[in-house]
Amino acid sequence: MTTNEQTLAPERADILDLLATRRHFLRHTAQGLTDEQASTRSTKSELTVGGLIKHVMTVEQHWADFARGKVGTTPTEYTPEVIAAWQDQFRFVEGETLADVLTAYEKVAAETEELVRTLDLEVKYELPAAPWQPPGVFWSVRMAFLHIASETAQHSGHADIIRETIDGQKTMG
C-alpha cells in the first residue's frame, strides 16, 4: 500500500489493492511473450492472452464510464460492423502490439484508480438495457469497481490457461 493509499478511507484502499492485484496477475501472464505468442490461440477457444488483456481493458473503460454516470447502450441490431467491433476487442488489429495494449491498459488503470479515489461510491445508476439484463436494475459506483476486479480475475484465469498451453508458464506456480 502506498502512502497515498494510507490516507484514503479503508474501503477505497481495499478496492485499489484488489484492482492492482488482479491486474498484476493478468499482466503477468503476458510477461516475456512475443506479439505472435500473445496472439496465439492455444486452446479450442478463440481467446488469446493479448486479446484477453485488450478485452479486460475495454470492459474496464466501459465500467469506469458507468461510474462517471455515462451509461452506454447495447446494440439492438447486430450488424456485421457491430459484430466485427466486438470481435476486435478480443484480438490485435493491424499494427497493434502487446506493448501497445499493455501501455493502453496502464493508462485505463490509472484513470480508474483516480475514480476510485474521488467518486462517491454510493451513487447508483441504472444498468444499460441489454438482452441479458432486465430493466430497472441499479448498481452503485462501488459495484462497478468490484465488477472490474471480478472481470479481471476471471479473464486472468483464462489467460493463465492459454499461457500454460503456449509454453508451460503458470502465473501461480
N, C-alpha and C. Protein backbone atom coordinates (compact mmCIF):
# COMPACT_ATOMS: atom_id res chain seq x y z
N MET A 1 0.85 -1.17 0.00
CA MET A 1 0.00 0.00 0.00
C MET A 1 0.90 1.24 0.00
N THR A 2 0.60 2.18 -0.87
CA THR A 2 1.40 3.40 -0.95
C THR A 2 0.97 4.37 0.14
N THR A 3 1.82 5.38 0.37
CA THR A 3 1.49 6.41 1.35
C THR A 3 0.18 7.09 0.98
N ASN A 4 -0.03 7.35 -0.30
CA ASN A 4 -1.27 7.96 -0.76
C ASN A 4 -2.47 7.12 -0.35
N GLU A 5 -2.37 5.80 -0.52
CA GLU A 5 -3.49 4.92 -0.19
C GLU A 5 -3.73 4.84 1.30
N GLN A 6 -2.69 5.07 2.10
CA GLN A 6 -2.86 5.04 3.55
C GLN A 6 -3.74 6.18 4.03
N THR A 7 -3.80 7.28 3.27
CA THR A 7 -4.63 8.41 3.66
C THR A 7 -6.06 8.27 3.17
N LEU A 8 -6.32 7.27 2.36
CA LEU A 8 -7.68 7.02 1.86
C LEU A 8 -8.49 6.27 2.90
N ALA A 9 -9.80 6.36 2.73
CA ALA A 9 -10.67 5.52 3.54
C ALA A 9 -10.32 4.07 3.28
N PRO A 10 -10.40 3.21 4.29
CA PRO A 10 -10.01 1.81 4.11
C PRO A 10 -10.71 1.12 2.95
N GLU A 11 -11.98 1.41 2.73
CA GLU A 11 -12.69 0.77 1.63
C GLU A 11 -12.07 1.13 0.29
N ARG A 12 -11.73 2.38 0.09
CA ARG A 12 -11.12 2.81 -1.17
C ARG A 12 -9.74 2.16 -1.34
N ALA A 13 -8.98 2.11 -0.27
CA ALA A 13 -7.67 1.46 -0.33
C ALA A 13 -7.81 -0.02 -0.66
N ASP A 14 -8.83 -0.67 -0.09
CA ASP A 14 -9.07 -2.08 -0.39
C ASP A 14 -9.43 -2.29 -1.85
N ILE A 15 -10.28 -1.43 -2.40
CA ILE A 15 -10.66 -1.55 -3.81
C ILE A 15 -9.43 -1.35 -4.70
N LEU A 16 -8.62 -0.36 -4.39
CA LEU A 16 -7.40 -0.12 -5.17
C LEU A 16 -6.46 -1.31 -5.10
N ASP A 17 -6.32 -1.89 -3.92
CA ASP A 17 -5.45 -3.05 -3.76
C ASP A 17 -6.00 -4.26 -4.52
N LEU A 18 -7.30 -4.47 -4.45
CA LEU A 18 -7.94 -5.56 -5.18
C LEU A 18 -7.71 -5.41 -6.68
N LEU A 19 -7.94 -4.22 -7.21
CA LEU A 19 -7.73 -3.98 -8.63
C LEU A 19 -6.27 -4.18 -9.02
N ALA A 20 -5.36 -3.66 -8.22
CA ALA A 20 -3.93 -3.79 -8.54
C ALA A 20 -3.49 -5.25 -8.55
N THR A 21 -3.95 -6.02 -7.60
CA THR A 21 -3.58 -7.43 -7.52
C THR A 21 -4.12 -8.20 -8.71
N ARG A 22 -5.38 -8.01 -9.04
CA ARG A 22 -5.98 -8.72 -10.17
C ARG A 22 -5.30 -8.33 -11.48
N ARG A 23 -5.00 -7.04 -11.65
CA ARG A 23 -4.31 -6.59 -12.87
C ARG A 23 -2.90 -7.19 -12.94
N HIS A 24 -2.23 -7.26 -11.81
CA HIS A 24 -0.87 -7.83 -11.80
C HIS A 24 -0.88 -9.26 -12.35
N PHE A 25 -1.81 -10.07 -11.89
CA PHE A 25 -1.87 -11.46 -12.35
C PHE A 25 -2.17 -11.54 -13.84
N LEU A 26 -3.05 -10.67 -14.33
CA LEU A 26 -3.36 -10.68 -15.76
C LEU A 26 -2.13 -10.25 -16.57
N ARG A 27 -1.50 -9.16 -16.18
CA ARG A 27 -0.30 -8.71 -16.91
C ARG A 27 0.82 -9.73 -16.84
N HIS A 28 0.93 -10.42 -15.72
CA HIS A 28 1.99 -11.43 -15.55
C HIS A 28 1.88 -12.54 -16.59
N THR A 29 0.66 -12.86 -17.00
CA THR A 29 0.51 -13.93 -17.98
C THR A 29 1.14 -13.57 -19.32
N ALA A 30 1.30 -12.28 -19.58
CA ALA A 30 1.87 -11.82 -20.86
C ALA A 30 3.38 -11.60 -20.79
N GLN A 31 3.92 -11.68 -19.60
CA GLN A 31 5.35 -11.38 -19.41
C GLN A 31 6.22 -12.28 -20.29
N GLY A 32 7.06 -11.64 -21.10
CA GLY A 32 8.00 -12.38 -21.93
C GLY A 32 7.43 -12.93 -23.23
N LEU A 33 6.16 -12.70 -23.50
CA LEU A 33 5.57 -13.20 -24.73
C LEU A 33 5.91 -12.27 -25.90
N THR A 34 6.09 -12.86 -27.06
CA THR A 34 6.20 -12.08 -28.29
C THR A 34 4.80 -11.69 -28.73
N ASP A 35 4.70 -10.78 -29.68
CA ASP A 35 3.39 -10.41 -30.22
C ASP A 35 2.70 -11.63 -30.82
N GLU A 36 3.48 -12.47 -31.49
CA GLU A 36 2.91 -13.67 -32.09
C GLU A 36 2.36 -14.61 -31.02
N GLN A 37 3.11 -14.82 -29.94
CA GLN A 37 2.63 -15.68 -28.86
C GLN A 37 1.40 -15.07 -28.19
N ALA A 38 1.41 -13.75 -27.99
CA ALA A 38 0.28 -13.08 -27.34
C ALA A 38 -0.98 -13.18 -28.19
N SER A 39 -0.82 -13.44 -29.48
CA SER A 39 -1.95 -13.58 -30.40
C SER A 39 -2.29 -15.04 -30.70
N THR A 40 -1.61 -15.95 -30.04
CA THR A 40 -1.77 -17.38 -30.32
C THR A 40 -3.02 -17.95 -29.65
N ARG A 41 -3.81 -18.65 -30.45
CA ARG A 41 -4.94 -19.43 -29.92
C ARG A 41 -4.37 -20.80 -29.59
N SER A 42 -4.15 -21.06 -28.31
CA SER A 42 -3.52 -22.32 -27.91
C SER A 42 -4.53 -23.35 -27.41
N THR A 43 -5.79 -22.98 -27.38
CA THR A 43 -6.85 -23.91 -26.99
C THR A 43 -7.92 -23.85 -28.09
N LYS A 44 -9.00 -24.58 -27.92
CA LYS A 44 -10.08 -24.54 -28.90
C LYS A 44 -10.77 -23.19 -28.94
N SER A 45 -10.62 -22.44 -27.89
CA SER A 45 -11.23 -21.12 -27.79
C SER A 45 -10.59 -20.14 -28.77
N GLU A 46 -11.33 -19.10 -29.11
CA GLU A 46 -10.80 -18.01 -29.93
C GLU A 46 -9.90 -17.08 -29.11
N LEU A 47 -9.89 -17.26 -27.80
CA LEU A 47 -9.20 -16.34 -26.91
C LEU A 47 -7.68 -16.46 -26.99
N THR A 48 -7.03 -15.32 -26.80
CA THR A 48 -5.57 -15.24 -26.74
C THR A 48 -5.20 -14.41 -25.51
N VAL A 49 -3.95 -14.51 -25.07
CA VAL A 49 -3.51 -13.72 -23.91
C VAL A 49 -3.66 -12.23 -24.22
N GLY A 50 -3.13 -11.79 -25.35
CA GLY A 50 -3.21 -10.38 -25.71
C GLY A 50 -4.64 -9.92 -25.91
N GLY A 51 -5.45 -10.75 -26.53
CA GLY A 51 -6.85 -10.40 -26.74
C GLY A 51 -7.61 -10.27 -25.43
N LEU A 52 -7.29 -11.11 -24.48
CA LEU A 52 -7.96 -11.03 -23.18
C LEU A 52 -7.58 -9.74 -22.45
N ILE A 53 -6.32 -9.36 -22.52
CA ILE A 53 -5.90 -8.11 -21.88
C ILE A 53 -6.62 -6.94 -22.54
N LYS A 54 -6.69 -6.97 -23.86
CA LYS A 54 -7.40 -5.91 -24.60
C LYS A 54 -8.87 -5.88 -24.20
N HIS A 55 -9.50 -7.04 -24.10
CA HIS A 55 -10.90 -7.11 -23.70
C HIS A 55 -11.11 -6.57 -22.28
N VAL A 56 -10.26 -6.99 -21.36
CA VAL A 56 -10.39 -6.53 -19.97
C VAL A 56 -10.24 -5.00 -19.92
N MET A 57 -9.33 -4.46 -20.71
CA MET A 57 -9.15 -3.02 -20.76
C MET A 57 -10.43 -2.35 -21.26
N THR A 58 -11.04 -2.91 -22.30
CA THR A 58 -12.27 -2.36 -22.86
C THR A 58 -13.40 -2.42 -21.83
N VAL A 59 -13.51 -3.54 -21.14
CA VAL A 59 -14.53 -3.70 -20.11
C VAL A 59 -14.30 -2.68 -18.99
N GLU A 60 -13.05 -2.51 -18.60
CA GLU A 60 -12.74 -1.55 -17.54
C GLU A 60 -13.13 -0.13 -17.97
N GLN A 61 -12.83 0.23 -19.19
CA GLN A 61 -13.23 1.55 -19.70
C GLN A 61 -14.74 1.72 -19.63
N HIS A 62 -15.46 0.68 -20.04
CA HIS A 62 -16.92 0.72 -20.02
C HIS A 62 -17.44 0.98 -18.60
N TRP A 63 -16.94 0.23 -17.63
CA TRP A 63 -17.43 0.36 -16.26
C TRP A 63 -16.94 1.64 -15.60
N ALA A 64 -15.77 2.13 -15.99
CA ALA A 64 -15.31 3.43 -15.49
C ALA A 64 -16.24 4.54 -16.00
N ASP A 65 -16.64 4.44 -17.27
CA ASP A 65 -17.61 5.40 -17.80
C ASP A 65 -18.93 5.30 -17.04
N PHE A 66 -19.37 4.09 -16.76
CA PHE A 66 -20.59 3.88 -15.97
C PHE A 66 -20.45 4.58 -14.62
N ALA A 67 -19.31 4.42 -13.97
CA ALA A 67 -19.08 5.04 -12.66
C ALA A 67 -19.13 6.56 -12.74
N ARG A 68 -18.76 7.10 -13.88
CA ARG A 68 -18.83 8.55 -14.11
C ARG A 68 -20.26 9.01 -14.45
N GLY A 69 -21.17 8.06 -14.60
CA GLY A 69 -22.54 8.40 -14.96
C GLY A 69 -22.81 8.38 -16.45
N LYS A 70 -21.85 7.91 -17.22
CA LYS A 70 -22.02 7.80 -18.68
C LYS A 70 -22.51 6.39 -18.99
N VAL A 71 -23.79 6.20 -18.89
CA VAL A 71 -24.38 4.88 -19.09
C VAL A 71 -24.57 4.66 -20.59
N GLY A 72 -23.90 3.66 -21.10
CA GLY A 72 -23.96 3.35 -22.52
C GLY A 72 -25.18 2.51 -22.87
N THR A 73 -25.21 2.12 -24.11
CA THR A 73 -26.30 1.27 -24.58
C THR A 73 -25.72 0.03 -25.24
N THR A 74 -26.52 -0.97 -25.30
CA THR A 74 -26.16 -2.20 -26.00
C THR A 74 -26.83 -2.15 -27.37
N PRO A 75 -26.10 -2.55 -28.42
CA PRO A 75 -26.72 -2.51 -29.75
C PRO A 75 -28.01 -3.32 -29.79
N THR A 76 -28.98 -2.80 -30.51
CA THR A 76 -30.22 -3.54 -30.68
C THR A 76 -30.20 -4.38 -31.95
N GLU A 77 -29.29 -4.03 -32.87
CA GLU A 77 -29.14 -4.78 -34.10
C GLU A 77 -27.68 -5.19 -34.24
N TYR A 78 -27.45 -6.45 -34.48
CA TYR A 78 -26.09 -6.96 -34.58
C TYR A 78 -25.67 -7.04 -36.04
N THR A 79 -25.29 -5.88 -36.56
CA THR A 79 -24.83 -5.77 -37.94
C THR A 79 -23.44 -6.37 -38.06
N PRO A 80 -22.97 -6.63 -39.26
CA PRO A 80 -21.60 -7.12 -39.42
C PRO A 80 -20.56 -6.18 -38.79
N GLU A 81 -20.83 -4.87 -38.84
CA GLU A 81 -19.90 -3.91 -38.24
C GLU A 81 -19.87 -4.02 -36.72
N VAL A 82 -21.03 -4.20 -36.12
CA VAL A 82 -21.13 -4.35 -34.67
C VAL A 82 -20.42 -5.64 -34.24
N ILE A 83 -20.65 -6.70 -34.97
CA ILE A 83 -20.01 -7.98 -34.66
C ILE A 83 -18.50 -7.89 -34.82
N ALA A 84 -18.04 -7.25 -35.88
CA ALA A 84 -16.59 -7.09 -36.11
C ALA A 84 -15.95 -6.26 -35.00
N ALA A 85 -16.62 -5.19 -34.57
CA ALA A 85 -16.09 -4.37 -33.48
C ALA A 85 -16.01 -5.17 -32.19
N TRP A 86 -17.01 -5.99 -31.93
CA TRP A 86 -16.99 -6.85 -30.74
C TRP A 86 -15.82 -7.83 -30.82
N GLN A 87 -15.64 -8.47 -31.95
CA GLN A 87 -14.55 -9.43 -32.12
C GLN A 87 -13.18 -8.76 -32.01
N ASP A 88 -13.07 -7.54 -32.50
CA ASP A 88 -11.79 -6.84 -32.48
C ASP A 88 -11.32 -6.50 -31.07
N GLN A 89 -12.24 -6.45 -30.11
CA GLN A 89 -11.79 -6.18 -28.75
C GLN A 89 -11.12 -7.41 -28.12
N PHE A 90 -11.20 -8.55 -28.78
CA PHE A 90 -10.59 -9.79 -28.29
C PHE A 90 -9.34 -10.19 -29.07
N ARG A 91 -8.88 -9.33 -29.96
CA ARG A 91 -7.70 -9.68 -30.76
C ARG A 91 -6.96 -8.41 -31.16
N PHE A 92 -5.71 -8.61 -31.51
CA PHE A 92 -4.93 -7.50 -32.03
C PHE A 92 -5.40 -7.19 -33.45
N VAL A 93 -5.56 -5.92 -33.75
CA VAL A 93 -5.88 -5.50 -35.10
C VAL A 93 -4.58 -5.07 -35.78
N GLU A 94 -4.65 -4.83 -37.06
CA GLU A 94 -3.47 -4.47 -37.86
C GLU A 94 -2.62 -3.42 -37.16
N GLY A 95 -1.34 -3.74 -36.97
CA GLY A 95 -0.40 -2.80 -36.39
C GLY A 95 -0.38 -2.75 -34.87
N GLU A 96 -1.28 -3.44 -34.20
CA GLU A 96 -1.34 -3.42 -32.75
C GLU A 96 -0.36 -4.43 -32.18
N THR A 97 0.29 -4.06 -31.08
CA THR A 97 1.26 -4.95 -30.45
C THR A 97 0.88 -5.17 -28.98
N LEU A 98 1.51 -6.16 -28.40
CA LEU A 98 1.31 -6.42 -26.97
C LEU A 98 1.75 -5.20 -26.16
N ALA A 99 2.87 -4.61 -26.53
CA ALA A 99 3.34 -3.42 -25.81
C ALA A 99 2.32 -2.29 -25.88
N ASP A 100 1.71 -2.09 -27.06
CA ASP A 100 0.67 -1.06 -27.22
C ASP A 100 -0.49 -1.32 -26.27
N VAL A 101 -0.94 -2.56 -26.25
CA VAL A 101 -2.10 -2.91 -25.43
C VAL A 101 -1.77 -2.75 -23.95
N LEU A 102 -0.60 -3.19 -23.53
CA LEU A 102 -0.22 -3.05 -22.12
C LEU A 102 -0.10 -1.59 -21.72
N THR A 103 0.44 -0.76 -22.60
CA THR A 103 0.54 0.67 -22.32
C THR A 103 -0.84 1.30 -22.20
N ALA A 104 -1.72 0.96 -23.11
CA ALA A 104 -3.09 1.49 -23.05
C ALA A 104 -3.80 1.00 -21.79
N TYR A 105 -3.56 -0.25 -21.42
CA TYR A 105 -4.18 -0.82 -20.22
C TYR A 105 -3.70 -0.07 -18.97
N GLU A 106 -2.42 0.27 -18.91
CA GLU A 106 -1.89 1.04 -17.78
C GLU A 106 -2.58 2.39 -17.67
N LYS A 107 -2.83 3.02 -18.80
CA LYS A 107 -3.50 4.33 -18.81
C LYS A 107 -4.93 4.19 -18.29
N VAL A 108 -5.63 3.20 -18.78
CA VAL A 108 -7.01 2.96 -18.32
C VAL A 108 -7.02 2.67 -16.83
N ALA A 109 -6.07 1.85 -16.37
CA ALA A 109 -5.99 1.51 -14.94
C ALA A 109 -5.77 2.76 -14.10
N ALA A 110 -4.87 3.63 -14.53
CA ALA A 110 -4.59 4.86 -13.78
C ALA A 110 -5.84 5.75 -13.70
N GLU A 111 -6.57 5.83 -14.79
CA GLU A 111 -7.80 6.62 -14.80
C GLU A 111 -8.84 6.03 -13.85
N THR A 112 -8.96 4.71 -13.86
CA THR A 112 -9.91 4.05 -12.94
C THR A 112 -9.50 4.27 -11.50
N GLU A 113 -8.22 4.16 -11.22
CA GLU A 113 -7.74 4.36 -9.84
C GLU A 113 -8.07 5.76 -9.34
N GLU A 114 -7.95 6.75 -10.21
CA GLU A 114 -8.31 8.12 -9.81
C GLU A 114 -9.81 8.21 -9.51
N LEU A 115 -10.61 7.50 -10.27
CA LEU A 115 -12.06 7.48 -9.99
C LEU A 115 -12.35 6.81 -8.65
N VAL A 116 -11.65 5.73 -8.34
CA VAL A 116 -11.84 5.06 -7.05
C VAL A 116 -11.52 6.03 -5.92
N ARG A 117 -10.50 6.84 -6.10
CA ARG A 117 -10.10 7.79 -5.07
C ARG A 117 -11.10 8.95 -4.90
N THR A 118 -11.83 9.29 -5.97
CA THR A 118 -12.58 10.55 -5.94
C THR A 118 -14.10 10.45 -6.06
N LEU A 119 -14.61 9.42 -6.69
CA LEU A 119 -16.07 9.36 -6.90
C LEU A 119 -16.80 8.91 -5.64
N ASP A 120 -18.04 9.30 -5.55
CA ASP A 120 -18.92 8.86 -4.47
C ASP A 120 -19.31 7.41 -4.75
N LEU A 121 -18.89 6.51 -3.89
CA LEU A 121 -19.12 5.08 -4.10
C LEU A 121 -20.59 4.69 -3.92
N GLU A 122 -21.37 5.55 -3.30
CA GLU A 122 -22.77 5.25 -3.02
C GLU A 122 -23.71 5.57 -4.18
N VAL A 123 -23.28 6.41 -5.12
CA VAL A 123 -24.14 6.80 -6.24
C VAL A 123 -24.50 5.56 -7.04
N LYS A 124 -25.76 5.51 -7.48
CA LYS A 124 -26.24 4.37 -8.27
C LYS A 124 -26.75 4.84 -9.61
N TYR A 125 -26.51 3.99 -10.62
CA TYR A 125 -27.02 4.23 -11.96
C TYR A 125 -27.70 2.96 -12.45
N GLU A 126 -28.70 3.16 -13.30
CA GLU A 126 -29.37 2.01 -13.89
C GLU A 126 -28.44 1.35 -14.91
N LEU A 127 -28.39 0.03 -14.86
CA LEU A 127 -27.58 -0.70 -15.83
C LEU A 127 -28.16 -0.49 -17.23
N PRO A 128 -27.30 -0.45 -18.23
CA PRO A 128 -27.78 -0.26 -19.59
C PRO A 128 -28.71 -1.41 -20.01
N ALA A 129 -29.64 -1.08 -20.87
CA ALA A 129 -30.53 -2.11 -21.41
C ALA A 129 -29.71 -3.12 -22.19
N ALA A 130 -29.99 -4.38 -21.97
CA ALA A 130 -29.30 -5.46 -22.68
C ALA A 130 -30.21 -6.68 -22.67
N PRO A 131 -30.06 -7.55 -23.66
CA PRO A 131 -30.92 -8.74 -23.70
C PRO A 131 -30.81 -9.61 -22.44
N TRP A 132 -29.69 -9.59 -21.77
CA TRP A 132 -29.47 -10.42 -20.59
C TRP A 132 -29.78 -9.68 -19.29
N GLN A 133 -30.19 -8.41 -19.40
CA GLN A 133 -30.38 -7.57 -18.22
C GLN A 133 -31.80 -7.04 -18.17
N PRO A 134 -32.59 -7.40 -17.15
CA PRO A 134 -33.93 -6.82 -17.06
C PRO A 134 -33.81 -5.32 -16.74
N PRO A 135 -34.78 -4.53 -17.17
CA PRO A 135 -34.75 -3.10 -16.86
C PRO A 135 -34.94 -2.86 -15.36
N GLY A 136 -34.46 -1.70 -14.92
CA GLY A 136 -34.69 -1.31 -13.53
C GLY A 136 -33.68 -1.84 -12.53
N VAL A 137 -32.55 -2.35 -13.01
CA VAL A 137 -31.50 -2.82 -12.09
C VAL A 137 -30.46 -1.71 -11.97
N PHE A 138 -30.16 -1.34 -10.74
CA PHE A 138 -29.20 -0.27 -10.47
C PHE A 138 -27.97 -0.83 -9.77
N TRP A 139 -26.83 -0.30 -10.15
CA TRP A 139 -25.57 -0.65 -9.47
C TRP A 139 -24.93 0.61 -8.93
N SER A 140 -24.30 0.46 -7.79
CA SER A 140 -23.54 1.57 -7.22
C SER A 140 -22.21 1.69 -7.96
N VAL A 141 -21.58 2.83 -7.80
CA VAL A 141 -20.23 3.04 -8.33
C VAL A 141 -19.30 2.00 -7.72
N ARG A 142 -19.47 1.71 -6.45
CA ARG A 142 -18.68 0.68 -5.77
C ARG A 142 -18.80 -0.65 -6.50
N MET A 143 -20.04 -1.03 -6.84
CA MET A 143 -20.26 -2.31 -7.52
C MET A 143 -19.59 -2.32 -8.88
N ALA A 144 -19.57 -1.20 -9.58
CA ALA A 144 -18.87 -1.13 -10.88
C ALA A 144 -17.38 -1.43 -10.70
N PHE A 145 -16.77 -0.87 -9.66
CA PHE A 145 -15.34 -1.13 -9.43
C PHE A 145 -15.10 -2.58 -9.03
N LEU A 146 -15.98 -3.13 -8.22
CA LEU A 146 -15.84 -4.54 -7.84
C LEU A 146 -16.05 -5.45 -9.04
N HIS A 147 -16.93 -5.04 -9.94
CA HIS A 147 -17.16 -5.82 -11.15
C HIS A 147 -15.91 -5.80 -12.04
N ILE A 148 -15.24 -4.67 -12.12
CA ILE A 148 -13.98 -4.60 -12.88
C ILE A 148 -12.99 -5.62 -12.32
N ALA A 149 -12.87 -5.68 -11.00
CA ALA A 149 -11.95 -6.63 -10.37
C ALA A 149 -12.37 -8.07 -10.67
N SER A 150 -13.66 -8.33 -10.63
CA SER A 150 -14.18 -9.66 -10.91
C SER A 150 -13.88 -10.08 -12.34
N GLU A 151 -14.17 -9.20 -13.29
CA GLU A 151 -13.90 -9.48 -14.71
C GLU A 151 -12.41 -9.74 -14.92
N THR A 152 -11.58 -8.92 -14.29
CA THR A 152 -10.13 -9.06 -14.45
C THR A 152 -9.67 -10.40 -13.90
N ALA A 153 -10.18 -10.79 -12.75
CA ALA A 153 -9.79 -12.07 -12.16
C ALA A 153 -10.24 -13.24 -13.03
N GLN A 154 -11.47 -13.18 -13.51
CA GLN A 154 -11.99 -14.27 -14.34
C GLN A 154 -11.15 -14.43 -15.60
N HIS A 155 -10.88 -13.33 -16.28
CA HIS A 155 -10.12 -13.42 -17.53
C HIS A 155 -8.64 -13.69 -17.29
N SER A 156 -8.14 -13.35 -16.13
CA SER A 156 -6.78 -13.70 -15.77
C SER A 156 -6.63 -15.22 -15.72
N GLY A 157 -7.64 -15.90 -15.21
CA GLY A 157 -7.63 -17.36 -15.20
C GLY A 157 -7.65 -17.93 -16.60
N HIS A 158 -8.46 -17.34 -17.46
CA HIS A 158 -8.47 -17.79 -18.86
C HIS A 158 -7.09 -17.59 -19.49
N ALA A 159 -6.51 -16.42 -19.28
CA ALA A 159 -5.19 -16.11 -19.85
C ALA A 159 -4.13 -17.06 -19.31
N ASP A 160 -4.23 -17.42 -18.06
CA ASP A 160 -3.26 -18.32 -17.46
C ASP A 160 -3.29 -19.70 -18.13
N ILE A 161 -4.48 -20.19 -18.42
CA ILE A 161 -4.61 -21.48 -19.11
C ILE A 161 -4.02 -21.39 -20.51
N ILE A 162 -4.33 -20.31 -21.21
CA ILE A 162 -3.78 -20.13 -22.55
C ILE A 162 -2.26 -20.05 -22.51
N ARG A 163 -1.73 -19.27 -21.57
CA ARG A 163 -0.28 -19.13 -21.45
C ARG A 163 0.37 -20.47 -21.12
N GLU A 164 -0.18 -21.20 -20.21
CA GLU A 164 0.39 -22.50 -19.85
C GLU A 164 0.42 -23.43 -21.06
N THR A 165 -0.59 -23.35 -21.89
CA THR A 165 -0.64 -24.18 -23.10
C THR A 165 0.42 -23.75 -24.11
N ILE A 166 0.74 -22.47 -24.15
CA ILE A 166 1.75 -21.96 -25.09
C ILE A 166 3.15 -22.44 -24.72
N ASP A 167 3.53 -22.23 -23.45
CA ASP A 167 4.93 -22.53 -23.09
C ASP A 167 5.14 -23.12 -21.71
N GLY A 168 4.05 -23.47 -21.04
CA GLY A 168 4.18 -24.11 -19.74
C GLY A 168 4.24 -23.14 -18.55
N GLN A 169 4.37 -21.85 -18.80
CA GLN A 169 4.45 -20.89 -17.70
C GLN A 169 3.10 -20.79 -17.00
N LYS A 170 3.15 -20.75 -15.68
CA LYS A 170 1.95 -20.61 -14.86
C LYS A 170 2.08 -19.35 -14.01
N THR A 171 1.01 -18.62 -13.88
CA THR A 171 1.03 -17.41 -13.07
C THR A 171 1.23 -17.72 -11.60
N MET A 172 0.56 -18.74 -11.13
CA MET A 172 0.56 -19.03 -9.70
C MET A 172 1.43 -20.24 -9.34
N GLY A 173 2.42 -20.55 -10.12
CA GLY A 173 3.30 -21.64 -9.71
C GLY A 173 3.59 -22.56 -10.79
